[in-house]
Amino acid sequence: MPVFFITADQIHANAVTITGPLLDHLRASLRVKPGERIWVGDERRRRCHIEITHIDRRALRGTVLDQRTGPALTTPRLLVGQAILKGERMDWAIQKATELGVAALIPLVSEQTVVRPKQGRAGAQQERWQRIALEAAQQSERWDVPTVAAPSSAMAFFAAPDQTALKLILSERETGQSLGSVSFPSSPADTITLAVGPEGGWRDEELAQARTHGFLPVTLGTRILRAETATIAAVSIVQSRLGELG
């Protein structure tokens, strides 16, 4: 059974109240009834097993039967800067990256991005991507939901000041270091940033900007991969090296 994410203010002692889109999903799509039991989680990495006591069009109410707290983080956070991909490829990349445990995703507009956010639609697009991440986190029973940020230009993303312990940029044209041979930090207080390009790859000036600001060029070897496949392959390698997979 998936974990349904709510906010901490919807949990009051031993009672839970659910409203909004999740209520509509539980009521209309899953058709849950009083007496049934579901798991809910919040942004504090708290998970509650609840028994539904009441449900109507305005609210679902339940009683907490069991409450658990997520295990302490033991590995660095992985942040992915993903150049925006065409159509469902971006959706798929966000979904699978969420399943693999990334902490945050930043959609990037690069020089060779085919599909760019339409003026006035960026907010709606961000909300849609965040919903995809939420649904993937629920289905994969994560303790938290990755944040999908507002789209940013790739050049600004590379130049932004941060406290990241390791910054990597994936490039098929670089004679860079193999991603599998990189030395990774191990502290859960650290963050690793991984930038992945669009279908046409990074432009030379983007790679130069990234290198100037501390990004290490890395490759996946000799295989030629589609952009969305490269994202998942790279995330999988990083998570395996960190001990999160395998």
Protein backbone atom coordinates (compact mmCIF):
# COMPACT_ATOMS: atom_id res chain seq x y z
CA MET A 1 0.00 0.00 0.00
CA PRO A 2 1.49 3.41 -0.90
CA VAL A 3 2.13 6.13 1.66
CA PHE A 4 -0.01 9.23 1.14
CA PHE A 5 1.73 12.51 1.95
CA ILE A 6 0.03 15.18 4.02
CA THR A 7 1.40 18.10 6.05
CA ALA A 8 2.28 18.03 9.73
CA ASP A 9 -0.55 20.43 10.61
CA GLN A 10 -3.06 17.78 9.49
CA ILE A 11 -1.97 15.51 12.34
CA HIS A 12 -3.33 16.46 15.78
CA ALA A 13 -2.31 14.08 18.57
CA ASN A 14 -4.06 10.84 17.57
CA ALA A 15 -6.32 12.33 14.91
CA VAL A 16 -5.71 13.03 11.22
CA THR A 17 -7.77 15.25 8.92
CA ILE A 18 -7.31 15.15 5.14
CA THR A 19 -8.78 17.67 2.70
CA GLY A 20 -8.04 18.95 -0.80
CA PRO A 21 -6.79 16.93 -3.80
CA LEU A 22 -5.72 13.95 -1.69
CA LEU A 23 -9.23 13.69 -0.26
CA ASP A 24 -10.65 13.70 -3.79
CA HIS A 25 -8.21 10.95 -4.81
CA LEU A 26 -8.94 8.76 -1.80
CA ARG A 27 -12.68 9.27 -2.03
CA ALA A 28 -13.36 9.24 -5.79
CA SER A 29 -10.51 7.17 -7.22
CA LEU A 30 -9.64 4.69 -4.47
CA ARG A 31 -13.13 4.75 -2.91
CA VAL A 32 -11.85 4.21 0.62
CA LYS A 33 -14.46 3.64 3.32
CA PRO A 34 -14.70 4.08 7.10
CA GLY A 35 -12.96 1.18 8.80
CA GLU A 36 -10.23 0.90 6.17
CA ARG A 37 -6.62 1.60 7.09
CA ILE A 38 -4.02 3.62 5.19
CA TRP A 39 -0.53 5.01 5.78
CA VAL A 40 0.14 8.75 5.67
CA GLY A 41 3.44 10.62 5.97
CA ASP A 42 4.49 14.24 6.47
CA GLU A 43 7.46 16.54 5.84
CA ARG A 44 8.93 15.69 9.25
CA ARG A 45 9.62 12.13 8.06
CA ARG A 46 6.82 10.92 10.30
CA ARG A 47 4.56 8.08 9.16
CA CYS A 48 1.17 7.21 10.64
CA HIS A 49 -1.02 4.15 10.17
CA ILE A 50 -4.58 5.42 10.47
CA GLU A 51 -8.05 3.92 10.51
CA ILE A 52 -10.60 5.98 8.62
CA THR A 53 -13.50 6.97 10.88
CA HIS A 54 -15.35 9.39 8.59
CA ILE A 55 -15.23 10.54 4.99
CA ASP A 56 -17.39 12.93 2.98
CA ARG A 57 -16.87 15.62 0.35
CA ARG A 58 -15.35 18.03 2.84
CA ALA A 59 -12.88 15.90 4.80
CA LEU A 60 -11.52 12.50 5.71
CA ARG A 61 -10.92 11.88 9.40
CA GLY A 62 -8.95 9.06 10.91
CA THR A 63 -7.49 7.75 14.15
CA VAL A 64 -3.75 7.10 14.46
CA LEU A 65 -3.08 3.44 15.26
CA ASP A 66 0.70 3.50 14.89
CA GLN A 67 3.30 6.23 14.38
CA ARG A 68 6.89 5.85 13.16
CA THR A 69 9.78 8.18 12.42
CA GLY A 70 12.02 7.74 9.41
CA PRO A 71 15.55 6.45 9.95
CA ALA A 72 18.33 9.01 10.29
CA LEU A 73 19.98 9.99 7.01
CA THR A 74 23.34 8.26 6.56
CA THR A 75 24.46 9.46 3.12
CA PRO A 76 24.78 12.83 1.35
CA ARG A 77 21.77 14.43 -0.32
CA LEU A 78 21.72 14.13 -4.11
CA LEU A 79 20.48 17.17 -6.02
CA VAL A 80 19.90 16.81 -9.79
CA GLY A 81 19.95 19.75 -12.19
CA GLN A 82 18.06 18.30 -15.15
CA ALA A 83 17.93 20.11 -18.48
CA ILE A 84 14.28 20.14 -19.54
CA LEU A 85 13.46 17.25 -21.87
CA LYS A 86 10.74 16.89 -24.48
CA GLY A 87 7.24 15.74 -23.58
CA GLU A 88 6.90 12.73 -21.33
CA ARG A 89 10.67 12.22 -21.13
CA MET A 90 10.93 14.91 -18.46
CA ASP A 91 8.03 13.39 -16.53
CA TRP A 92 9.68 9.98 -16.70
CA ALA A 93 13.06 11.32 -15.56
CA ILE A 94 11.46 13.04 -12.54
CA GLN A 95 9.47 9.94 -11.65
CA LYS A 96 12.42 7.55 -11.80
CA ALA A 97 14.85 9.94 -10.09
CA THR A 98 12.33 10.20 -7.25
CA GLU A 99 12.11 6.42 -6.98
CA LEU A 100 15.92 6.31 -6.81
CA GLY A 101 16.00 8.69 -3.86
CA VAL A 102 17.12 12.11 -5.11
CA ALA A 103 16.51 14.91 -2.61
CA ALA A 104 15.74 17.71 -5.08
CA LEU A 105 15.43 18.41 -8.80
CA ILE A 106 16.04 21.70 -10.60
CA PRO A 107 14.69 21.91 -14.19
CA LEU A 108 17.25 23.73 -16.33
CA VAL A 109 16.82 25.74 -19.51
CA SER A 110 19.97 25.24 -21.57
CA GLU A 111 20.99 26.53 -24.99
CA GLN A 112 19.90 23.28 -26.63
CA THR A 113 16.72 22.71 -24.66
CA VAL A 114 14.07 21.83 -27.24
CA VAL A 115 10.99 22.62 -25.14
CA ARG A 116 11.10 25.78 -23.01
CA PRO A 117 8.62 26.84 -20.33
CA LYS A 118 5.97 29.09 -21.85
CA GLN A 119 5.67 32.58 -20.47
CA GLY A 120 3.07 32.59 -17.72
CA ARG A 121 3.04 28.79 -17.54
CA ALA A 122 6.22 28.10 -15.58
CA GLY A 123 4.37 28.00 -12.26
CA ALA A 124 1.79 25.52 -13.51
CA GLN A 125 4.51 23.36 -15.02
CA GLN A 126 6.46 23.34 -11.77
CA GLU A 127 3.32 22.29 -9.87
CA ARG A 128 2.75 19.46 -12.35
CA TRP A 129 6.32 18.19 -11.97
CA GLN A 130 6.04 18.45 -8.19
CA ARG A 131 2.87 16.36 -8.34
CA ILE A 132 4.70 13.70 -10.38
CA ALA A 133 7.44 13.59 -7.73
CA LEU A 134 4.82 13.36 -4.97
CA GLU A 135 3.03 10.45 -6.63
CA ALA A 136 6.31 8.63 -7.27
CA ALA A 137 7.37 9.14 -3.64
CA GLN A 138 4.05 7.74 -2.44
CA GLN A 139 4.22 4.72 -4.71
CA SER A 140 7.82 3.92 -3.73
CA GLU A 141 7.05 4.42 -0.01
CA ARG A 142 9.67 7.10 0.53
CA TRP A 143 9.93 8.91 3.84
CA ASP A 144 10.02 12.27 2.09
CA VAL A 145 9.16 13.99 -1.18
CA PRO A 146 11.89 15.59 -3.30
CA THR A 147 11.49 19.27 -4.07
CA VAL A 148 11.07 20.22 -7.74
CA ALA A 149 12.27 23.81 -8.04
CA ALA A 150 11.19 26.48 -10.48
CA PRO A 151 12.99 26.28 -13.85
CA SER A 152 16.34 28.07 -13.96
CA SER A 153 18.77 28.92 -16.73
CA ALA A 154 21.65 26.46 -16.82
CA MET A 155 24.23 29.27 -16.80
CA ALA A 156 22.71 30.79 -13.64
CA PHE A 157 22.50 27.36 -12.01
CA PHE A 158 26.19 26.71 -12.60
CA ALA A 159 27.19 30.11 -11.21
CA ALA A 160 24.93 30.06 -8.13
CA PRO A 161 26.86 30.09 -4.83
CA ASP A 162 26.28 27.03 -2.67
CA GLN A 163 27.83 24.77 -0.06
CA THR A 164 27.80 21.64 -2.20
CA ALA A 165 30.56 19.18 -1.31
CA LEU A 166 30.82 17.76 -4.84
CA LYS A 167 29.51 19.14 -8.15
CA LEU A 168 29.38 16.93 -11.24
CA ILE A 169 28.33 17.63 -14.83
CA LEU A 170 27.56 14.75 -17.16
CA SER A 171 28.88 15.25 -20.68
CA GLU A 172 29.10 12.79 -23.53
CA ARG A 173 31.72 14.87 -25.33
CA GLU A 174 34.15 15.26 -22.45
CA THR A 175 37.19 13.08 -21.96
CA GLY A 176 36.40 13.49 -18.29
CA GLN A 177 36.60 11.14 -15.39
CA SER A 178 34.38 8.07 -15.29
CA LEU A 179 31.48 8.72 -12.92
CA GLY A 180 32.07 5.33 -11.33
CA SER A 181 35.62 6.28 -10.31
CA VAL A 182 34.79 9.59 -8.61
CA SER A 183 35.60 9.92 -4.92
CA PHE A 184 32.32 10.75 -3.16
CA PRO A 185 31.80 12.46 0.21
CA SER A 186 30.18 10.32 2.87
CA SER A 187 28.68 12.68 5.46
CA PRO A 188 24.88 13.01 5.53
CA ALA A 189 25.48 16.74 6.07
CA ASP A 190 26.96 16.99 2.56
CA THR A 191 25.21 17.58 -0.76
CA ILE A 192 26.18 16.22 -4.17
CA THR A 193 24.98 18.11 -7.24
CA LEU A 194 24.67 16.33 -10.59
CA ALA A 195 23.90 18.30 -13.77
CA VAL A 196 22.51 16.39 -16.77
CA GLY A 197 22.07 17.95 -20.20
CA PRO A 198 19.28 17.96 -22.81
CA GLU A 199 18.84 15.81 -25.90
CA GLY A 200 21.44 17.80 -27.84
CA GLY A 201 23.96 17.93 -25.01
CA TRP A 202 25.65 20.92 -23.40
CA ARG A 203 27.10 23.79 -25.43
CA ASP A 204 30.82 24.49 -25.03
CA GLU A 205 30.15 27.74 -23.17
CA GLU A 206 27.90 25.93 -20.70
CA LEU A 207 30.57 23.34 -19.98
CA ALA A 208 33.11 26.14 -19.54
CA GLN A 209 30.79 27.97 -17.12
CA ALA A 210 30.27 24.79 -15.13
CA ARG A 211 33.99 24.06 -14.90
CA THR A 212 34.73 27.66 -13.88
CA HIS A 213 32.38 27.24 -10.92
CA GLY A 214 33.74 23.93 -9.70
CA PHE A 215 31.79 21.31 -11.62
CA LEU A 216 33.78 18.17 -12.45
CA PRO A 217 33.04 16.76 -15.94
CA VAL A 218 32.17 13.06 -15.80
CA THR A 219 31.13 10.44 -18.33
CA LEU A 220 29.17 7.19 -18.37
CA GLY A 221 31.66 5.44 -20.64
CA THR A 222 31.29 4.50 -24.29
CA ARG A 223 27.55 3.80 -24.36
CA ILE A 224 25.37 6.27 -26.27
CA LEU A 225 22.27 6.88 -24.17
CA ARG A 226 19.12 8.91 -24.59
CA ALA A 227 19.04 11.94 -22.32
CA GLU A 228 16.48 10.52 -19.90
CA THR A 229 18.31 7.18 -19.77
CA ALA A 230 21.56 8.98 -18.98
CA THR A 231 19.89 10.70 -16.04
CA ILE A 232 18.73 7.45 -14.49
CA ALA A 233 22.00 5.66 -15.21
CA ALA A 234 23.98 8.47 -13.58
CA VAL A 235 21.71 8.69 -10.53
CA SER A 236 21.88 4.91 -10.13
CA ILE A 237 25.68 4.94 -10.21
CA VAL A 238 25.88 7.72 -7.62
CA GLN A 239 23.37 6.03 -5.32
CA SER A 240 25.19 2.72 -5.66
CA ARG A 241 28.50 4.34 -4.74
CA LEU A 242 26.83 5.96 -1.72
CA GLY A 243 25.44 2.61 -0.58
CA GLU A 244 21.81 3.47 -1.37
CA LEU A 245 21.53 0.81 -4.10
CA GLY A 246 23.02 -2.61 -4.60
